[in-house]
Amino acid sequence: MEISSEEELGEILYKSLSGRRYLIVMDDMWSIEAWDKLKLFFPNNNNESRIVITTRLSNLALQISGSGGLRMNFLEEDESWDLFCKIVFGEEAGCPLELEEIGRQLLKIARDFHYQ
């Protein structure tokens, strides 16, 4: 299948996420225009799906989240894991044992990428 436009790619993304619970992480976003183009392609399935966006630009964070943003410094490895688990699985639930290894691998990749 050949994809001919951003719009077509966005429609494929929307269809693949529709009716499903998802977690999307977009790291180091640099423009509100990029978010404005992308947000249309994430369906609101009313099933607690989440989109996590990081940016180094405080004005961009404010534009994206309004007052719901969180200003943070880089976290230690254990702090990163705790935050990840709270966001993905909720305050009390914690990470299921069968997902812990892959979750920690994902966080290690993200940390290594940030420190390059």
PDB file of N, CA and C in Angstrom:
ATOM      1  N   MET A   1       0.844  -1.169   0.000  1.00  0.00           N
ATOM      2  CA  MET A   1       0.000   0.000   0.000  1.00  0.00           C
ATOM      3  C   MET A   1       0.896   1.239   0.000  1.00  0.00           C
ATOM      4  N   GLU A   2       0.651   2.131  -0.913  1.00  0.00           N
ATOM      5  CA  GLU A   2       1.403   3.375  -0.982  1.00  0.00           C
ATOM      6  C   GLU A   2       0.571   4.498  -0.376  1.00  0.00           C
ATOM      7  N   ILE A   3       1.191   5.229   0.535  1.00  0.00           N
ATOM      8  CA  ILE A   3       0.517   6.341   1.201  1.00  0.00           C
ATOM      9  C   ILE A   3       0.930   7.618   0.491  1.00  0.00           C
ATOM     10  N   SER A   4      -0.064   8.374   0.039  1.00  0.00           N
ATOM     11  CA  SER A   4       0.240   9.522  -0.799  1.00  0.00           C
ATOM     12  C   SER A   4       0.241  10.866  -0.066  1.00  0.00           C
ATOM     13  N   SER A   5      -0.264  10.920   1.165  1.00  0.00           N
ATOM     14  CA  SER A   5      -0.320  12.210   1.848  1.00  0.00           C
ATOM     15  C   SER A   5      -0.340  12.024   3.360  1.00  0.00           C
ATOM     16  N   GLU A   6      -0.061  13.115   4.073  1.00  0.00           N
ATOM     17  CA  GLU A   6      -0.158  13.113   5.531  1.00  0.00           C
ATOM     18  C   GLU A   6      -1.595  12.829   5.959  1.00  0.00           C
ATOM     19  N   GLU A   7      -2.536  13.369   5.217  1.00  0.00           N
ATOM     20  CA  GLU A   7      -3.959  13.167   5.519  1.00  0.00           C
ATOM     21  C   GLU A   7      -4.316  11.684   5.445  1.00  0.00           C
ATOM     22  N   GLU A   8      -3.840  11.019   4.418  1.00  0.00           N
ATOM     23  CA  GLU A   8      -4.120   9.590   4.264  1.00  0.00           C
ATOM     24  C   GLU A   8      -3.480   8.785   5.401  1.00  0.00           C
ATOM     25  N   LEU A   9      -2.258   9.138   5.765  1.00  0.00           N
ATOM     26  CA  LEU A   9      -1.583   8.479   6.883  1.00  0.00           C
ATOM     27  C   LEU A   9      -2.356   8.707   8.182  1.00  0.00           C
ATOM     28  N   GLY A  10      -2.832   9.930   8.386  1.00  0.00           N
ATOM     29  CA  GLY A  10      -3.626  10.252   9.573  1.00  0.00           C
ATOM     30  C   GLY A  10      -4.917   9.461   9.635  1.00  0.00           C
ATOM     31  N   GLU A  11      -5.571   9.277   8.500  1.00  0.00           N
ATOM     32  CA  GLU A  11      -6.805   8.490   8.462  1.00  0.00           C
ATOM     33  C   GLU A  11      -6.532   7.033   8.816  1.00  0.00           C
ATOM     34  N   ILE A  12      -5.409   6.495   8.357  1.00  0.00           N
ATOM     35  CA  ILE A  12      -5.034   5.123   8.697  1.00  0.00           C
ATOM     36  C   ILE A  12      -4.808   5.009  10.197  1.00  0.00           C
ATOM     37  N   LEU A  13      -4.107   5.993  10.780  1.00  0.00           N
ATOM     38  CA  LEU A  13      -3.879   6.008  12.223  1.00  0.00           C
ATOM     39  C   LEU A  13      -5.200   6.062  12.976  1.00  0.00           C
ATOM     40  N   TYR A  14      -6.080   6.961  12.571  1.00  0.00           N
ATOM     41  CA  TYR A  14      -7.376   7.114  13.236  1.00  0.00           C
ATOM     42  C   TYR A  14      -8.159   5.804  13.215  1.00  0.00           C
ATOM     43  N   LYS A  15      -8.233   5.182  12.060  1.00  0.00           N
ATOM     44  CA  LYS A  15      -8.978   3.924  11.930  1.00  0.00           C
ATOM     45  C   LYS A  15      -8.360   2.819  12.778  1.00  0.00           C
ATOM     46  N   SER A  16      -7.031   2.778  12.844  1.00  0.00           N
ATOM     47  CA  SER A  16      -6.392   1.710  13.616  1.00  0.00           C
ATOM     48  C   SER A  16      -6.572   1.907  15.127  1.00  0.00           C
ATOM     49  N   LEU A  17      -6.748   3.149  15.583  1.00  0.00           N
ATOM     50  CA  LEU A  17      -6.935   3.423  17.004  1.00  0.00           C
ATOM     51  C   LEU A  17      -8.403   3.428  17.437  1.00  0.00           C
ATOM     52  N   SER A  18      -9.315   3.585  16.487  1.00  0.00           N
ATOM     53  CA  SER A  18     -10.741   3.663  16.815  1.00  0.00           C
ATOM     54  C   SER A  18     -11.199   2.410  17.539  1.00  0.00           C
ATOM     55  N   GLY A  19     -11.891   2.625  18.657  1.00  0.00           N
ATOM     56  CA  GLY A  19     -12.422   1.527  19.437  1.00  0.00           C
ATOM     57  C   GLY A  19     -11.405   0.822  20.313  1.00  0.00           C
ATOM     58  N   ARG A  20     -10.172   1.301  20.302  1.00  0.00           N
ATOM     59  CA  ARG A  20      -9.113   0.670  21.084  1.00  0.00           C
ATOM     60  C   ARG A  20      -8.626   1.626  22.169  1.00  0.00           C
ATOM     61  N   ARG A  21      -8.060   1.060  23.205  1.00  0.00           N
ATOM     62  CA  ARG A  21      -7.419   1.860  24.250  1.00  0.00           C
ATOM     63  C   ARG A  21      -5.956   2.011  23.859  1.00  0.00           C
ATOM     64  N   TYR A  22      -5.437   3.233  23.930  1.00  0.00           N
ATOM     65  CA  TYR A  22      -4.074   3.450  23.485  1.00  0.00           C
ATOM     66  C   TYR A  22      -3.315   4.413  24.393  1.00  0.00           C
ATOM     67  N   LEU A  23      -1.997   4.287  24.340  1.00  0.00           N
ATOM     68  CA  LEU A  23      -1.080   5.219  24.981  1.00  0.00           C
ATOM     69  C   LEU A  23      -0.127   5.694  23.899  1.00  0.00           C
ATOM     70  N   ILE A  24      -0.120   6.979  23.649  1.00  0.00           N
ATOM     71  CA  ILE A  24       0.778   7.584  22.669  1.00  0.00           C
ATOM     72  C   ILE A  24       1.740   8.483  23.429  1.00  0.00           C
ATOM     73  N   VAL A  25       3.035   8.336  23.172  1.00  0.00           N
ATOM     74  CA  VAL A  25       4.042   9.203  23.773  1.00  0.00           C
ATOM     75  C   VAL A  25       4.741   9.951  22.645  1.00  0.00           C
ATOM     76  N   MET A  26       4.650  11.274  22.702  1.00  0.00           N
ATOM     77  CA  MET A  26       5.341  12.119  21.725  1.00  0.00           C
ATOM     78  C   MET A  26       6.374  12.927  22.483  1.00  0.00           C
ATOM     79  N   ASP A  27       7.607  12.653  22.190  1.00  0.00           N
ATOM     80  CA  ASP A  27       8.711  13.220  22.953  1.00  0.00           C
ATOM     81  C   ASP A  27       9.328  14.411  22.242  1.00  0.00           C
ATOM     82  N   ASP A  28       9.544  15.474  22.990  1.00  0.00           N
ATOM     83  CA  ASP A  28      10.279  16.651  22.532  1.00  0.00           C
ATOM     84  C   ASP A  28       9.606  17.373  21.368  1.00  0.00           C
ATOM     85  N   MET A  29       8.331  17.676  21.518  1.00  0.00           N
ATOM     86  CA  MET A  29       7.596  18.411  20.492  1.00  0.00           C
ATOM     87  C   MET A  29       8.072  19.863  20.462  1.00  0.00           C
ATOM     88  N   TRP A  30       8.183  20.411  19.267  1.00  0.00           N
ATOM     89  CA  TRP A  30       8.734  21.750  19.111  1.00  0.00           C
ATOM     90  C   TRP A  30       7.771  22.783  18.543  1.00  0.00           C
ATOM     91  N   SER A  31       6.568  22.374  18.117  1.00  0.00           N
ATOM     92  CA  SER A  31       5.670  23.403  17.574  1.00  0.00           C
ATOM     93  C   SER A  31       4.211  23.063  17.815  1.00  0.00           C
ATOM     94  N   ILE A  32       3.417  24.084  18.071  1.00  0.00           N
ATOM     95  CA  ILE A  32       1.983  23.918  18.261  1.00  0.00           C
ATOM     96  C   ILE A  32       1.333  23.506  16.946  1.00  0.00           C
ATOM     97  N   GLU A  33       1.901  23.934  15.837  1.00  0.00           N
ATOM     98  CA  GLU A  33       1.362  23.572  14.525  1.00  0.00           C
ATOM     99  C   GLU A  33       1.401  22.061  14.324  1.00  0.00           C
ATOM    100  N   ALA A  34       2.491  21.422  14.762  1.00  0.00           N
ATOM    101  CA  ALA A  34       2.602  19.962  14.646  1.00  0.00           C
ATOM    102  C   ALA A  34       1.493  19.292  15.445  1.00  0.00           C
ATOM    103  N   TRP A  35       1.262  19.752  16.684  1.00  0.00           N
ATOM    104  CA  TRP A  35       0.210  19.175  17.509  1.00  0.00           C
ATOM    105  C   TRP A  35      -1.166  19.413  16.890  1.00  0.00           C
ATOM    106  N   ASP A  36      -1.410  20.615  16.373  1.00  0.00           N
ATOM    107  CA  ASP A  36      -2.701  20.923  15.761  1.00  0.00           C
ATOM    108  C   ASP A  36      -2.998  19.997  14.586  1.00  0.00           C
ATOM    109  N   LYS A  37      -1.976  19.628  13.829  1.00  0.00           N
ATOM    110  CA  LYS A  37      -2.170  18.701  12.711  1.00  0.00           C
ATOM    111  C   LYS A  37      -2.421  17.278  13.204  1.00  0.00           C
ATOM    112  N   LEU A  38      -1.702  16.874  14.240  1.00  0.00           N
ATOM    113  CA  LEU A  38      -1.771  15.489  14.714  1.00  0.00           C
ATOM    114  C   LEU A  38      -3.014  15.165  15.523  1.00  0.00           C
ATOM    115  N   LYS A  39      -3.458  16.086  16.373  1.00  0.00           N
ATOM    116  CA  LYS A  39      -4.511  15.765  17.344  1.00  0.00           C
ATOM    117  C   LYS A  39      -5.814  15.306  16.697  1.00  0.00           C
ATOM    118  N   LEU A  40      -6.043  15.688  15.477  1.00  0.00           N
ATOM    119  CA  LEU A  40      -7.261  15.286  14.785  1.00  0.00           C
ATOM    120  C   LEU A  40      -7.313  13.784  14.520  1.00  0.00           C
ATOM    121  N   PHE A  41      -6.159  13.149  14.525  1.00  0.00           N
ATOM    122  CA  PHE A  41      -6.076  11.736  14.157  1.00  0.00           C
ATOM    123  C   PHE A  41      -6.061  10.791  15.359  1.00  0.00           C
ATOM    124  N   PHE A  42      -6.302  11.326  16.562  1.00  0.00           N
ATOM    125  CA  PHE A  42      -6.395  10.492  17.755  1.00  0.00           C
ATOM    126  C   PHE A  42      -7.847  10.482  18.220  1.00  0.00           C
ATOM    127  N   PRO A  43      -8.544   9.359  18.026  1.00  0.00           N
ATOM    128  CA  PRO A  43      -9.968   9.326  18.400  1.00  0.00           C
ATOM    129  C   PRO A  43     -10.155   9.383  19.908  1.00  0.00           C
ATOM    130  N   ASN A  44     -11.241  10.009  20.318  1.00  0.00           N
ATOM    131  CA  ASN A  44     -11.629  10.006  21.728  1.00  0.00           C
ATOM    132  C   ASN A  44     -12.594   8.846  21.908  1.00  0.00           C
ATOM    133  N   ASN A  45     -12.058   7.724  22.366  1.00  0.00           N
ATOM    134  CA  ASN A  45     -12.865   6.518  22.529  1.00  0.00           C
ATOM    135  C   ASN A  45     -13.557   6.455  23.886  1.00  0.00           C
ATOM    136  N   ASN A  46     -13.376   7.482  24.707  1.00  0.00           N
ATOM    137  CA  ASN A  46     -13.942   7.500  26.065  1.00  0.00           C
ATOM    138  C   ASN A  46     -13.577   6.239  26.845  1.00  0.00           C
ATOM    139  N   ASN A  47     -12.308   5.804  26.690  1.00  0.00           N
ATOM    140  CA  ASN A  47     -11.869   4.580  27.367  1.00  0.00           C
ATOM    141  C   ASN A  47     -10.546   4.786  28.095  1.00  0.00           C
ATOM    142  N   GLU A  48     -10.306   6.012  28.511  1.00  0.00           N
ATOM    143  CA  GLU A  48      -9.105   6.366  29.264  1.00  0.00           C
ATOM    144  C   GLU A  48      -7.821   6.261  28.449  1.00  0.00           C
ATOM    145  N   SER A  49      -7.902   6.371  27.132  1.00  0.00           N
ATOM    146  CA  SER A  49      -6.690   6.451  26.328  1.00  0.00           C
ATOM    147  C   SER A  49      -5.943   7.711  26.721  1.00  0.00           C
ATOM    148  N   ARG A  50      -4.640   7.701  26.537  1.00  0.00           N
ATOM    149  CA  ARG A  50      -3.817   8.829  26.951  1.00  0.00           C
ATOM    150  C   ARG A  50      -2.817   9.205  25.871  1.00  0.00           C
ATOM    151  N   ILE A  51      -2.512  10.488  25.823  1.00  0.00           N
ATOM    152  CA  ILE A  51      -1.439  11.009  24.988  1.00  0.00           C
ATOM    153  C   ILE A  51      -0.528  11.799  25.904  1.00  0.00           C
ATOM    154  N   VAL A  52       0.735  11.430  25.941  1.00  0.00           N
ATOM    155  CA  VAL A  52       1.730  12.117  26.758  1.00  0.00           C
ATOM    156  C   VAL A  52       2.652  12.866  25.802  1.00  0.00           C
ATOM    157  N   ILE A  53       2.778  14.153  26.021  1.00  0.00           N
ATOM    158  CA  ILE A  53       3.637  14.989  25.172  1.00  0.00           C
ATOM    159  C   ILE A  53       4.690  15.636  26.051  1.00  0.00           C
ATOM    160  N   THR A  54       5.939  15.529  25.628  1.00  0.00           N
ATOM    161  CA  THR A  54       6.991  16.257  26.322  1.00  0.00           C
ATOM    162  C   THR A  54       7.508  17.356  25.409  1.00  0.00           C
ATOM    163  N   THR A  55       7.931  18.439  26.033  1.00  0.00           N
ATOM    164  CA  THR A  55       8.538  19.541  25.303  1.00  0.00           C
ATOM    165  C   THR A  55       9.445  20.297  26.258  1.00  0.00           C
ATOM    166  N   ARG A  56      10.445  20.912  25.706  1.00  0.00           N
ATOM    167  CA  ARG A  56      11.335  21.756  26.505  1.00  0.00           C
ATOM    168  C   ARG A  56      10.858  23.200  26.517  1.00  0.00           C
ATOM    169  N   LEU A  57       9.820  23.475  25.756  1.00  0.00           N
ATOM    170  CA  LEU A  57       9.327  24.848  25.593  1.00  0.00           C
ATOM    171  C   LEU A  57       8.100  25.070  26.470  1.00  0.00           C
ATOM    172  N   SER A  58       8.242  25.868  27.525  1.00  0.00           N
ATOM    173  CA  SER A  58       7.137  26.055  28.468  1.00  0.00           C
ATOM    174  C   SER A  58       5.927  26.705  27.813  1.00  0.00           C
ATOM    175  N   ASN A  59       6.134  27.626  26.880  1.00  0.00           N
ATOM    176  CA  ASN A  59       4.982  28.256  26.228  1.00  0.00           C
ATOM    177  C   ASN A  59       4.210  27.253  25.371  1.00  0.00           C
ATOM    178  N   LEU A  60       4.908  26.319  24.757  1.00  0.00           N
ATOM    179  CA  LEU A  60       4.240  25.276  23.980  1.00  0.00           C
ATOM    180  C   LEU A  60       3.446  24.354  24.899  1.00  0.00           C
ATOM    181  N   ALA A  61       4.023  23.990  26.025  1.00  0.00           N
ATOM    182  CA  ALA A  61       3.326  23.133  26.990  1.00  0.00           C
ATOM    183  C   ALA A  61       2.036  23.800  27.452  1.00  0.00           C
ATOM    184  N   LEU A  62       2.088  25.088  27.720  1.00  0.00           N
ATOM    185  CA  LEU A  62       0.887  25.819  28.143  1.00  0.00           C
ATOM    186  C   LEU A  62      -0.174  25.825  27.051  1.00  0.00           C
ATOM    187  N   GLN A  63       0.241  26.022  25.798  1.00  0.00           N
ATOM    188  CA  GLN A  63      -0.711  26.044  24.693  1.00  0.00           C
ATOM    189  C   GLN A  63      -1.376  24.678  24.512  1.00  0.00           C
ATOM    190  N   ILE A  64      -0.620  23.623  24.674  1.00  0.00           N
ATOM    191  CA  ILE A  64      -1.158  22.280  24.461  1.00  0.00           C
ATOM    192  C   ILE A  64      -2.066  21.862  25.601  1.00  0.00           C
ATOM    193  N   SER A  65      -1.630  22.093  26.837  1.00  0.00           N
ATOM    194  CA  SER A  65      -2.357  21.531  27.976  1.00  0.00           C
ATOM    195  C   SER A  65      -3.196  22.531  28.746  1.00  0.00           C
ATOM    196  N   GLY A  66      -3.080  23.803  28.458  1.00  0.00           N
ATOM    197  CA  GLY A  66      -3.755  24.792  29.291  1.00  0.00           C
ATOM    198  C   GLY A  66      -3.096  24.786  30.653  1.00  0.00           C
ATOM    199  N   SER A  67      -3.863  24.621  31.697  1.00  0.00           N
ATOM    200  CA  SER A  67      -3.285  24.603  33.039  1.00  0.00           C
ATOM    201  C   SER A  67      -2.951  23.184  33.496  1.00  0.00           C
ATOM    202  N   GLY A  68      -3.156  22.179  32.627  1.00  0.00           N
ATOM    203  CA  GLY A  68      -2.964  20.796  33.035  1.00  0.00           C
ATOM    204  C   GLY A  68      -1.553  20.275  32.867  1.00  0.00           C
ATOM    205  N   GLY A  69      -0.608  21.130  32.501  1.00  0.00           N
ATOM    206  CA  GLY A  69       0.758  20.673  32.277  1.00  0.00           C
ATOM    207  C   GLY A  69       1.516  20.480  33.576  1.00  0.00           C
ATOM    208  N   LEU A  70       2.632  19.828  33.475  1.00  0.00           N
ATOM    209  CA  LEU A  70       3.471  19.545  34.627  1.00  0.00           C
ATOM    210  C   LEU A  70       4.910  19.879  34.260  1.00  0.00           C
ATOM    211  N   ARG A  71       5.511  20.808  34.978  1.00  0.00           N
ATOM    212  CA  ARG A  71       6.907  21.176  34.733  1.00  0.00           C
ATOM    213  C   ARG A  71       7.805  20.246  35.532  1.00  0.00           C
ATOM    214  N   MET A  72       8.773  19.646  34.839  1.00  0.00           N
ATOM    215  CA  MET A  72       9.608  18.649  35.498  1.00  0.00           C
ATOM    216  C   MET A  72      11.062  18.779  35.085  1.00  0.00           C
ATOM    217  N   ASN A  73      11.930  18.347  35.965  1.00  0.00           N
ATOM    218  CA  ASN A  73      13.337  18.155  35.632  1.00  0.00           C
ATOM    219  C   ASN A  73      13.495  16.702  35.205  1.00  0.00           C
ATOM    220  N   PHE A  74      14.656  16.358  34.653  1.00  0.00           N
ATOM    221  CA  PHE A  74      14.895  14.966  34.311  1.00  0.00           C
ATOM    222  C   PHE A  74      14.820  14.123  35.578  1.00  0.00           C
ATOM    223  N   LEU A  75      14.222  12.965  35.468  1.00  0.00           N
ATOM    224  CA  LEU A  75      14.017  12.094  36.611  1.00  0.00           C
ATOM    225  C   LEU A  75      15.090  11.019  36.684  1.00  0.00           C
ATOM    226  N   GLU A  76      15.329  10.543  37.893  1.00  0.00           N
ATOM    227  CA  GLU A  76      16.177   9.369  38.081  1.00  0.00           C
ATOM    228  C   GLU A  76      15.417   8.149  37.556  1.00  0.00           C
ATOM    229  N   GLU A  77      16.127   7.047  37.361  1.00  0.00           N
ATOM    230  CA  GLU A  77      15.519   5.855  36.772  1.00  0.00           C
ATOM    231  C   GLU A  77      14.300   5.360  37.559  1.00  0.00           C
ATOM    232  N   ASP A  78      14.407   5.275  38.874  1.00  0.00           N
ATOM    233  CA  ASP A  78      13.281   4.814  39.692  1.00  0.00           C
ATOM    234  C   ASP A  78      12.110   5.788  39.644  1.00  0.00           C
ATOM    235  N   GLU A  79      12.417   7.073  39.625  1.00  0.00           N
ATOM    236  CA  GLU A  79      11.361   8.081  39.535  1.00  0.00           C
ATOM    237  C   GLU A  79      10.639   7.980  38.191  1.00  0.00           C
ATOM    238  N   SER A  80      11.401   7.750  37.120  1.00  0.00           N
ATOM    239  CA  SER A  80      10.802   7.582  35.792  1.00  0.00           C
ATOM    240  C   SER A  80       9.852   6.397  35.779  1.00  0.00           C
ATOM    241  N   TRP A  81      10.286   5.297  36.372  1.00  0.00           N
ATOM    242  CA  TRP A  81       9.459   4.090  36.408  1.00  0.00           C
ATOM    243  C   TRP A  81       8.173   4.329  37.192  1.00  0.00           C
ATOM    244  N   ASP A  82       8.275   4.971  38.338  1.00  0.00           N
ATOM    245  CA  ASP A  82       7.091   5.239  39.158  1.00  0.00           C
ATOM    246  C   ASP A  82       6.091   6.118  38.409  1.00  0.00           C
ATOM    247  N   LEU A  83       6.587   7.166  37.757  1.00  0.00           N
ATOM    248  CA  LEU A  83       5.715   8.059  37.010  1.00  0.00           C
ATOM    249  C   LEU A  83       5.054   7.327  35.843  1.00  0.00           C
ATOM    250  N   PHE A  84       5.823   6.558  35.111  1.00  0.00           N
ATOM    251  CA  PHE A  84       5.294   5.782  33.994  1.00  0.00           C
ATOM    252  C   PHE A  84       4.148   4.881  34.462  1.00  0.00           C
ATOM    253  N   CYS A  85       4.366   4.173  35.543  1.00  0.00           N
ATOM    254  CA  CYS A  85       3.343   3.253  36.061  1.00  0.00           C
ATOM    255  C   CYS A  85       2.081   4.002  36.501  1.00  0.00           C
ATOM    256  N   LYS A  86       2.241   5.146  37.144  1.00  0.00           N
ATOM    257  CA  LYS A  86       1.076   5.918  37.585  1.00  0.00           C
ATOM    258  C   LYS A  86       0.265   6.405  36.392  1.00  0.00           C
ATOM    259  N   ILE A  87       0.948   6.869  35.339  1.00  0.00           N
ATOM    260  CA  ILE A  87       0.248   7.388  34.168  1.00  0.00           C
ATOM    261  C   ILE A  87      -0.462   6.264  33.423  1.00  0.00           C
ATOM    262  N   VAL A  88       0.232   5.160  33.225  1.00  0.00           N
ATOM    263  CA  VAL A  88      -0.312   4.082  32.413  1.00  0.00           C
ATOM    264  C   VAL A  88      -1.339   3.246  33.172  1.00  0.00           C
ATOM    265  N   PHE A  89      -1.067   2.924  34.427  1.00  0.00           N
ATOM    266  CA  PHE A  89      -1.897   1.964  35.150  1.00  0.00           C
ATOM    267  C   PHE A  89      -2.712   2.563  36.290  1.00  0.00           C
ATOM    268  N   GLY A  90      -2.545   3.844  36.556  1.00  0.00           N
ATOM    269  CA  GLY A  90      -3.315   4.481  37.614  1.00  0.00           C
ATOM    270  C   GLY A  90      -2.550   4.515  38.932  1.00  0.00           C
ATOM    271  N   GLU A  91      -3.019   5.326  39.836  1.00  0.00           N
ATOM    272  CA  GLU A  91      -2.349   5.564  41.117  1.00  0.00           C
ATOM    273  C   GLU A  91      -2.104   4.292  41.906  1.00  0.00           C
ATOM    274  N   GLU A  92      -3.101   3.438  42.012  1.00  0.00           N
ATOM    275  CA  GLU A  92      -3.020   2.298  42.913  1.00  0.00           C
ATOM    276  C   GLU A  92      -2.655   0.986  42.223  1.00  0.00           C
ATOM    277  N   ALA A  93      -2.905   0.883  40.922  1.00  0.00           N
ATOM    278  CA  ALA A  93      -2.823  -0.411  40.248  1.00  0.00           C
ATOM    279  C   ALA A  93      -1.402  -0.966  40.156  1.00  0.00           C
ATOM    280  N   GLY A  94      -0.446  -0.158  39.795  1.00  0.00           N
ATOM    281  CA  GLY A  94       0.904  -0.664  39.581  1.00  0.00           C
ATOM    282  C   GLY A  94       0.993  -1.438  38.279  1.00  0.00           C
ATOM    283  N   CYS A  95       2.196  -1.737  37.871  1.00  0.00           N
ATOM    284  CA  CYS A  95       2.445  -2.418  36.601  1.00  0.00           C
ATOM    285  C   CYS A  95       2.278  -3.934  36.772  1.00  0.00           C
ATOM    286  N   PRO A  96       1.511  -4.559  35.888  1.00  0.00           N
ATOM    287  CA  PRO A  96       1.436  -6.025  35.930  1.00  0.00           C
ATOM    288  C   PRO A  96       2.821  -6.632  35.689  1.00  0.00           C
ATOM    289  N   LEU A  97       3.134  -7.692  36.403  1.00  0.00           N
ATOM    290  CA  LEU A  97       4.459  -8.306  36.312  1.00  0.00           C
ATOM    291  C   LEU A  97       4.835  -8.681  34.891  1.00  0.00           C
ATOM    292  N   GLU A  98       3.880  -9.147  34.101  1.00  0.00           N
ATOM    293  CA  GLU A  98       4.187  -9.578  32.740  1.00  0.00           C
ATOM    294  C   GLU A  98       4.557  -8.417  31.807  1.00  0.00           C
ATOM    295  N   LEU A  99       4.292  -7.182  32.214  1.00  0.00           N
ATOM    296  CA  LEU A  99       4.632  -6.012  31.395  1.00  0.00           C
ATOM    297  C   LEU A  99       5.833  -5.239  31.927  1.00  0.00           C
ATOM    298  N   GLU A 100       6.322  -5.609  33.097  1.00  0.00           N
ATOM    299  CA  GLU A 100       7.393  -4.829  33.729  1.00  0.00           C
ATOM    300  C   GLU A 100       8.678  -4.819  32.902  1.00  0.00           C
ATOM    301  N   GLU A 101       9.106  -5.950  32.414  1.00  0.00           N
ATOM    302  CA  GLU A 101      10.369  -6.006  31.674  1.00  0.00           C
ATOM    303  C   GLU A 101      10.331  -5.120  30.421  1.00  0.00           C
ATOM    304  N   ILE A 102       9.282  -5.237  29.629  1.00  0.00           N
ATOM    305  CA  ILE A 102       9.185  -4.422  28.408  1.00  0.00           C
ATOM    306  C   ILE A 102       9.025  -2.944  28.756  1.00  0.00           C
ATOM    307  N   GLY A 103       8.287  -2.635  29.823  1.00  0.00           N
ATOM    308  CA  GLY A 103       8.127  -1.247  30.249  1.00  0.00           C
ATOM    309  C   GLY A 103       9.446  -0.625  30.652  1.00  0.00           C
ATOM    310  N   ARG A 104      10.241  -1.362  31.397  1.00  0.00           N
ATOM    311  CA  ARG A 104      11.553  -0.845  31.808  1.00  0.00           C
ATOM    312  C   ARG A 104      12.483  -0.689  30.607  1.00  0.00           C
ATOM    313  N   GLN A 105      12.376  -1.591  29.634  1.00  0.00           N
ATOM    314  CA  GLN A 105      13.189  -1.464  28.419  1.00  0.00           C
ATOM    315  C   GLN A 105      12.809  -0.198  27.656  1.00  0.00           C
ATOM    316  N   LEU A 106      11.512   0.084  27.556  1.00  0.00           N
ATOM    317  CA  LEU A 106      11.052   1.305  26.887  1.00  0.00           C
ATOM    318  C   LEU A 106      11.597   2.557  27.566  1.00  0.00           C
ATOM    319  N   LEU A 107      11.556   2.575  28.878  1.00  0.00           N
ATOM    320  CA  LEU A 107      12.068   3.731  29.612  1.00  0.00           C
ATOM    321  C   LEU A 107      13.577   3.882  29.433  1.00  0.00           C
ATOM    322  N   LYS A 108      14.312   2.767  29.401  1.00  0.00           N
ATOM    323  CA  LYS A 108      15.756   2.838  29.194  1.00  0.00           C
ATOM    324  C   LYS A 108      16.070   3.427  27.825  1.00  0.00           C
ATOM    325  N   ILE A 109      15.350   2.999  26.806  1.00  0.00           N
ATOM    326  CA  ILE A 109      15.547   3.542  25.456  1.00  0.00           C
ATOM    327  C   ILE A 109      15.283   5.043  25.460  1.00  0.00           C
ATOM    328  N   ALA A 110      14.198   5.452  26.100  1.00  0.00           N
ATOM    329  CA  ALA A 110      13.859   6.881  26.157  1.00  0.00           C
ATOM    330  C   ALA A 110      14.932   7.671  26.889  1.00  0.00           C
ATOM    331  N   ARG A 111      15.419   7.164  28.018  1.00  0.00           N
ATOM    332  CA  ARG A 111      16.462   7.866  28.781  1.00  0.00           C
ATOM    333  C   ARG A 111      17.749   7.963  27.969  1.00  0.00           C
ATOM    334  N   ASP A 112      18.138   6.857  27.336  1.00  0.00           N
ATOM    335  CA  ASP A 112      19.380   6.856  26.539  1.00  0.00           C
ATOM    336  C   ASP A 112      19.274   7.861  25.396  1.00  0.00           C
ATOM    337  N   PHE A 113      18.089   7.952  24.792  1.00  0.00           N
ATOM    338  CA  PHE A 113      17.895   8.885  23.700  1.00  0.00           C
ATOM    339  C   PHE A 113      18.037  10.330  24.177  1.00  0.00           C
ATOM    340  N   HIS A 114      17.492  10.642  25.338  1.00  0.00           N
ATOM    341  CA  HIS A 114      17.561  12.001  25.876  1.00  0.00           C
ATOM    342  C   HIS A 114      18.993  12.417  26.206  1.00  0.00           C
ATOM    343  N   TYR A 115      19.807  11.491  26.631  1.00  0.00           N
ATOM    344  CA  TYR A 115      21.149  11.839  27.070  1.00  0.00           C
ATOM    345  C   TYR A 115      22.167  11.791  25.949  1.00  0.00           C
ATOM    346  N   GLN A 116      21.742  11.590  24.706  1.00  0.00           N
ATOM    347  CA  GLN A 116      22.677  11.579  23.569  1.00  0.00           C
ATOM    348  C   GLN A 116      23.061  12.988  23.200  1.00  0.00           C
TER     349      GLN A 116
END
